[in-house]
């Protein structure tokens, strides 16, 4: 398994409380819940976005 990287995340107290309650409901740690929410957001975004076409910077249309 790849090594996990850590970083500082500053959250408003209200958001932290909401995430803690959600994590407790799902029987996860706060860290696990944040990781779950981020993974789901990335998965959903990848599913919703169409495949991107490479940008042709020299289209010749003046844009």
PDB file of N, CA and C in Angstrom:
ATOM      1  N   UNK A   1       0.840  -1.169   0.000  1.00  0.00           N
ATOM      2  CA  UNK A   1       0.000   0.000   0.000  1.00  0.00           C
ATOM      3  C   UNK A   1       0.888   1.236   0.000  1.00  0.00           C
ATOM      4  N   UNK A   2       0.471   2.265  -0.735  1.00  0.00           N
ATOM      5  CA  UNK A   2       1.235   3.501  -0.799  1.00  0.00           C
ATOM      6  C   UNK A   2       1.213   4.214   0.546  1.00  0.00           C
ATOM      7  N   UNK A   3       2.294   4.884   0.831  1.00  0.00           N
ATOM      8  CA  UNK A   3       2.393   5.624   2.082  1.00  0.00           C
ATOM      9  C   UNK A   3       1.445   6.817   2.037  1.00  0.00           C
ATOM     10  N   UNK A   4       0.742   7.065   3.131  1.00  0.00           N
ATOM     11  CA  UNK A   4      -0.171   8.204   3.204  1.00  0.00           C
ATOM     12  C   UNK A   4       0.612   9.449   3.573  1.00  0.00           C
ATOM     13  N   UNK A   5       0.158  10.578   3.051  1.00  0.00           N
ATOM     14  CA  UNK A   5       0.783  11.861   3.357  1.00  0.00           C
ATOM     15  C   UNK A   5      -0.121  12.629   4.301  1.00  0.00           C
ATOM     16  N   UNK A   6       0.471  13.389   5.167  1.00  0.00           N
ATOM     17  CA  UNK A   6      -0.321  14.168   6.105  1.00  0.00           C
ATOM     18  C   UNK A   6      -0.192  15.653   5.784  1.00  0.00           C
ATOM     19  N   UNK A   7      -1.222  16.414   6.177  1.00  0.00           N
ATOM     20  CA  UNK A   7      -1.185  17.856   6.026  1.00  0.00           C
ATOM     21  C   UNK A   7      -2.159  18.473   7.019  1.00  0.00           C
ATOM     22  N   UNK A   8      -1.962  19.729   7.293  1.00  0.00           N
ATOM     23  CA  UNK A   8      -2.796  20.457   8.234  1.00  0.00           C
ATOM     24  C   UNK A   8      -4.066  20.917   7.526  1.00  0.00           C
ATOM     25  N   UNK A   9      -5.209  20.712   8.163  1.00  0.00           N
ATOM     26  CA  UNK A   9      -6.488  21.148   7.613  1.00  0.00           C
ATOM     27  C   UNK A   9      -7.200  21.970   8.674  1.00  0.00           C
ATOM     28  N   UNK A  10      -7.470  23.214   8.347  1.00  0.00           N
ATOM     29  CA  UNK A  10      -8.169  24.099   9.281  1.00  0.00           C
ATOM     30  C   UNK A  10      -9.640  24.144   8.906  1.00  0.00           C
ATOM     31  N   UNK A  11     -10.509  23.844   9.867  1.00  0.00           N
ATOM     32  CA  UNK A  11     -11.949  23.823   9.633  1.00  0.00           C
ATOM     33  C   UNK A  11     -12.655  24.682  10.661  1.00  0.00           C
ATOM     34  N   UNK A  12     -13.769  25.297  10.269  1.00  0.00           N
ATOM     35  CA  UNK A  12     -14.567  26.008  11.266  1.00  0.00           C
ATOM     36  C   UNK A  12     -15.118  25.019  12.286  1.00  0.00           C
ATOM     37  N   UNK A  13     -15.295  25.443  13.536  1.00  0.00           N
ATOM     38  CA  UNK A  13     -15.774  24.527  14.578  1.00  0.00           C
ATOM     39  C   UNK A  13     -17.112  23.857  14.229  1.00  0.00           C
ATOM     40  N   UNK A  14     -17.997  24.581  13.575  1.00  0.00           N
ATOM     41  CA  UNK A  14     -19.304  23.999  13.225  1.00  0.00           C
ATOM     42  C   UNK A  14     -19.148  22.836  12.246  1.00  0.00           C
ATOM     43  N   UNK A  15     -18.248  22.994  11.274  1.00  0.00           N
ATOM     44  CA  UNK A  15     -18.012  21.922  10.307  1.00  0.00           C
ATOM     45  C   UNK A  15     -17.344  20.736  10.988  1.00  0.00           C
ATOM     46  N   UNK A  16     -16.401  21.021  11.867  1.00  0.00           N
ATOM     47  CA  UNK A  16     -15.721  19.950  12.598  1.00  0.00           C
ATOM     48  C   UNK A  16     -16.716  19.147  13.440  1.00  0.00           C
ATOM     49  N   UNK A  17     -17.628  19.848  14.113  1.00  0.00           N
ATOM     50  CA  UNK A  17     -18.653  19.161  14.911  1.00  0.00           C
ATOM     51  C   UNK A  17     -19.545  18.296  14.033  1.00  0.00           C
ATOM     52  N   UNK A  18     -19.967  18.830  12.891  1.00  0.00           N
ATOM     53  CA  UNK A  18     -20.834  18.076  11.978  1.00  0.00           C
ATOM     54  C   UNK A  18     -20.114  16.838  11.453  1.00  0.00           C
ATOM     55  N   UNK A  19     -18.847  16.981  11.091  1.00  0.00           N
ATOM     56  CA  UNK A  19     -18.079  15.833  10.599  1.00  0.00           C
ATOM     57  C   UNK A  19     -17.868  14.790  11.690  1.00  0.00           C
ATOM     58  N   UNK A  20     -17.631  15.244  12.919  1.00  0.00           N
ATOM     59  CA  UNK A  20     -17.482  14.308  14.037  1.00  0.00           C
ATOM     60  C   UNK A  20     -18.768  13.515  14.268  1.00  0.00           C
ATOM     61  N   UNK A  21     -19.923  14.189  14.228  1.00  0.00           N
ATOM     62  CA  UNK A  21     -21.204  13.479  14.407  1.00  0.00           C
ATOM     63  C   UNK A  21     -21.436  12.489  13.276  1.00  0.00           C
ATOM     64  N   UNK A  22     -21.147  12.913  12.034  1.00  0.00           N
ATOM     65  CA  UNK A  22     -21.322  12.045  10.879  1.00  0.00           C
ATOM     66  C   UNK A  22     -20.403  10.829  10.997  1.00  0.00           C
ATOM     67  N   UNK A  23     -19.160  11.054  11.386  1.00  0.00           N
ATOM     68  CA  UNK A  23     -18.210   9.954  11.547  1.00  0.00           C
ATOM     69  C   UNK A  23     -18.709   8.968  12.598  1.00  0.00           C
ATOM     70  N   UNK A  24     -19.218   9.481  13.714  1.00  0.00           N
ATOM     71  CA  UNK A  24     -19.735   8.607  14.772  1.00  0.00           C
ATOM     72  C   UNK A  24     -20.918   7.787  14.265  1.00  0.00           C
ATOM     73  N   UNK A  25     -21.797   8.422  13.490  1.00  0.00           N
ATOM     74  CA  UNK A  25     -22.946   7.705  12.914  1.00  0.00           C
ATOM     75  C   UNK A  25     -22.500   6.569  12.008  1.00  0.00           C
ATOM     76  N   UNK A  26     -21.413   6.788  11.261  1.00  0.00           N
ATOM     77  CA  UNK A  26     -20.907   5.792  10.314  1.00  0.00           C
ATOM     78  C   UNK A  26     -19.841   4.876  10.925  1.00  0.00           C
ATOM     79  N   UNK A  27     -19.611   5.010  12.243  1.00  0.00           N
ATOM     80  CA  UNK A  27     -18.609   4.201  12.960  1.00  0.00           C
ATOM     81  C   UNK A  27     -17.223   4.338  12.337  1.00  0.00           C
ATOM     82  N   UNK A  28     -16.847   5.583  12.021  1.00  0.00           N
ATOM     83  CA  UNK A  28     -15.527   5.875  11.478  1.00  0.00           C
ATOM     84  C   UNK A  28     -14.845   6.893  12.379  1.00  0.00           C
ATOM     85  N   UNK A  29     -13.530   6.959  12.254  1.00  0.00           N
ATOM     86  CA  UNK A  29     -12.790   8.046  12.894  1.00  0.00           C
ATOM     87  C   UNK A  29     -13.024   9.310  12.080  1.00  0.00           C
ATOM     88  N   UNK A  30     -12.716  10.444  12.676  1.00  0.00           N
ATOM     89  CA  UNK A  30     -12.862  11.701  11.935  1.00  0.00           C
ATOM     90  C   UNK A  30     -11.986  11.683  10.696  1.00  0.00           C
ATOM     91  N   UNK A  31     -10.741  11.222  10.834  1.00  0.00           N
ATOM     92  CA  UNK A  31      -9.839  11.143   9.690  1.00  0.00           C
ATOM     93  C   UNK A  31     -10.414  10.222   8.610  1.00  0.00           C
ATOM     94  N   UNK A  32     -10.920   9.070   9.020  1.00  0.00           N
ATOM     95  CA  UNK A  32     -11.509   8.134   8.075  1.00  0.00           C
ATOM     96  C   UNK A  32     -12.719   8.726   7.371  1.00  0.00           C
ATOM     97  N   UNK A  33     -13.514   9.494   8.096  1.00  0.00           N
ATOM     98  CA  UNK A  33     -14.701  10.107   7.506  1.00  0.00           C
ATOM     99  C   UNK A  33     -14.314  11.165   6.476  1.00  0.00           C
ATOM    100  N   UNK A  34     -13.335  11.986   6.810  1.00  0.00           N
ATOM    101  CA  UNK A  34     -12.885  13.014   5.861  1.00  0.00           C
ATOM    102  C   UNK A  34     -12.323  12.353   4.606  1.00  0.00           C
ATOM    103  N   UNK A  35     -11.544  11.287   4.772  1.00  0.00           N
ATOM    104  CA  UNK A  35     -11.005  10.565   3.622  1.00  0.00           C
ATOM    105  C   UNK A  35     -12.138   9.972   2.780  1.00  0.00           C
ATOM    106  N   UNK A  36     -13.145   9.401   3.437  1.00  0.00           N
ATOM    107  CA  UNK A  36     -14.295   8.836   2.728  1.00  0.00           C
ATOM    108  C   UNK A  36     -15.025   9.913   1.921  1.00  0.00           C
ATOM    109  N   UNK A  37     -15.298  11.054   2.550  1.00  0.00           N
ATOM    110  CA  UNK A  37     -16.022  12.139   1.877  1.00  0.00           C
ATOM    111  C   UNK A  37     -15.229  12.632   0.667  1.00  0.00           C
ATOM    112  N   UNK A  38     -13.923  12.782   0.830  1.00  0.00           N
ATOM    113  CA  UNK A  38     -13.102  13.243  -0.291  1.00  0.00           C
ATOM    114  C   UNK A  38     -13.052  12.217  -1.417  1.00  0.00           C
ATOM    115  N   UNK A  39     -12.913  10.945  -1.065  1.00  0.00           N
ATOM    116  CA  UNK A  39     -12.896   9.900  -2.108  1.00  0.00           C
ATOM    117  C   UNK A  39     -14.207   9.870  -2.894  1.00  0.00           C
ATOM    118  N   UNK A  40     -15.324   9.968  -2.185  1.00  0.00           N
ATOM    119  CA  UNK A  40     -16.633   9.963  -2.842  1.00  0.00           C
ATOM    120  C   UNK A  40     -16.800  11.181  -3.751  1.00  0.00           C
ATOM    121  N   UNK A  41     -16.324  12.335  -3.308  1.00  0.00           N
ATOM    122  CA  UNK A  41     -16.419  13.548  -4.126  1.00  0.00           C
ATOM    123  C   UNK A  41     -15.595  13.404  -5.402  1.00  0.00           C
ATOM    124  N   UNK A  42     -14.393  12.848  -5.279  1.00  0.00           N
ATOM    125  CA  UNK A  42     -13.546  12.646  -6.457  1.00  0.00           C
ATOM    126  C   UNK A  42     -14.182  11.618  -7.390  1.00  0.00           C
ATOM    127  N   UNK A  43     -14.691  10.524  -6.835  1.00  0.00           N
ATOM    128  CA  UNK A  43     -15.339   9.496  -7.655  1.00  0.00           C
ATOM    129  C   UNK A  43     -16.536  10.075  -8.401  1.00  0.00           C
ATOM    130  N   UNK A  44     -17.360  10.841  -7.711  1.00  0.00           N
ATOM    131  CA  UNK A  44     -18.541  11.432  -8.319  1.00  0.00           C
ATOM    132  C   UNK A  44     -18.146  12.426  -9.415  1.00  0.00           C
ATOM    133  N   UNK A  45     -17.160  13.234  -9.155  1.00  0.00           N
ATOM    134  CA  UNK A  45     -16.714  14.221 -10.145  1.00  0.00           C
ATOM    135  C   UNK A  45     -16.180  13.541 -11.399  1.00  0.00           C
ATOM    136  N   UNK A  46     -15.410  12.493 -11.231  1.00  0.00           N
ATOM    137  CA  UNK A  46     -14.879  11.763 -12.393  1.00  0.00           C
ATOM    138  C   UNK A  46     -16.015  11.164 -13.213  1.00  0.00           C
ATOM    139  N   UNK A  47     -17.052  10.690 -12.559  1.00  0.00           N
ATOM    140  CA  UNK A  47     -18.169  10.074 -13.258  1.00  0.00           C
ATOM    141  C   UNK A  47     -18.981  11.116 -14.009  1.00  0.00           C
ATOM    142  N   UNK A  48     -19.109  12.314 -13.434  1.00  0.00           N
ATOM    143  CA  UNK A  48     -19.959  13.334 -14.028  1.00  0.00           C
ATOM    144  C   UNK A  48     -19.282  14.111 -15.149  1.00  0.00           C
ATOM    145  N   UNK A  49     -17.961  14.174 -15.147  1.00  0.00           N
ATOM    146  CA  UNK A  49     -17.268  14.944 -16.164  1.00  0.00           C
ATOM    147  C   UNK A  49     -17.016  14.094 -17.393  1.00  0.00           C
ATOM    148  N   UNK A  50     -17.331  14.615 -18.579  1.00  0.00           N
ATOM    149  CA  UNK A  50     -17.015  13.859 -19.790  1.00  0.00           C
ATOM    150  C   UNK A  50     -15.511  13.828 -20.009  1.00  0.00           C
ATOM    151  N   UNK A  51     -15.076  12.903 -20.832  1.00  0.00           N
ATOM    152  CA  UNK A  51     -13.658  12.843 -21.160  1.00  0.00           C
ATOM    153  C   UNK A  51     -13.265  14.170 -21.781  1.00  0.00           C
ATOM    154  N   UNK A  52     -12.171  14.738 -21.311  1.00  0.00           N
ATOM    155  CA  UNK A  52     -11.735  16.026 -21.824  1.00  0.00           C
ATOM    156  C   UNK A  52     -10.949  15.830 -23.106  1.00  0.00           C
ATOM    157  N   UNK A  53     -11.259  16.675 -24.077  1.00  0.00           N
ATOM    158  CA  UNK A  53     -10.524  16.684 -25.330  1.00  0.00           C
ATOM    159  C   UNK A  53      -9.263  17.524 -25.123  1.00  0.00           C
ATOM    160  N   UNK A  54      -8.158  17.132 -25.734  1.00  0.00           N
ATOM    161  CA  UNK A  54      -6.967  17.984 -25.635  1.00  0.00           C
ATOM    162  C   UNK A  54      -7.254  19.339 -26.272  1.00  0.00           C
ATOM    163  N   UNK A  55      -6.822  20.408 -25.616  1.00  0.00           N
ATOM    164  CA  UNK A  55      -7.072  21.738 -26.149  1.00  0.00           C
ATOM    165  C   UNK A  55      -6.139  22.012 -27.317  1.00  0.00           C
ATOM    166  N   UNK A  56      -6.712  22.504 -28.409  1.00  0.00           N
ATOM    167  CA  UNK A  56      -5.927  22.900 -29.557  1.00  0.00           C
ATOM    168  C   UNK A  56      -5.700  24.402 -29.438  1.00  0.00           C
ATOM    169  N   UNK A  57      -4.501  24.786 -28.989  1.00  0.00           N
ATOM    170  CA  UNK A  57      -4.220  26.193 -28.713  1.00  0.00           C
ATOM    171  C   UNK A  57      -4.096  27.014 -29.976  1.00  0.00           C
ATOM    172  N   UNK A  58      -3.852  26.402 -31.110  1.00  0.00           N
ATOM    173  CA  UNK A  58      -3.689  27.132 -32.368  1.00  0.00           C
ATOM    174  C   UNK A  58      -4.845  26.760 -33.293  1.00  0.00           C
ATOM    175  N   UNK A  59      -6.059  27.180 -32.899  1.00  0.00           N
ATOM    176  CA  UNK A  59      -7.238  26.822 -33.685  1.00  0.00           C
ATOM    177  C   UNK A  59      -7.422  27.725 -34.890  1.00  0.00           C
ATOM    178  N   UNK A  60      -6.791  28.904 -34.872  1.00  0.00           N
ATOM    179  CA  UNK A  60      -6.900  29.792 -36.002  1.00  0.00           C
ATOM    180  C   UNK A  60      -8.199  30.583 -36.046  1.00  0.00           C
ATOM    181  N   UNK A  61      -8.991  30.560 -34.959  1.00  0.00           N
ATOM    182  CA  UNK A  61     -10.255  31.299 -34.963  1.00  0.00           C
ATOM    183  C   UNK A  61     -10.171  32.565 -34.152  1.00  0.00           C
ATOM    184  N   UNK A  62      -8.991  32.964 -33.712  1.00  0.00           N
ATOM    185  CA  UNK A  62      -8.799  34.200 -33.001  1.00  0.00           C
ATOM    186  C   UNK A  62      -9.206  34.167 -31.534  1.00  0.00           C
ATOM    187  N   UNK A  63      -9.500  33.023 -31.012  1.00  0.00           N
ATOM    188  CA  UNK A  63      -9.919  32.934 -29.603  1.00  0.00           C
ATOM    189  C   UNK A  63      -8.748  32.524 -28.760  1.00  0.00           C
TER     190      UNK A  63
END
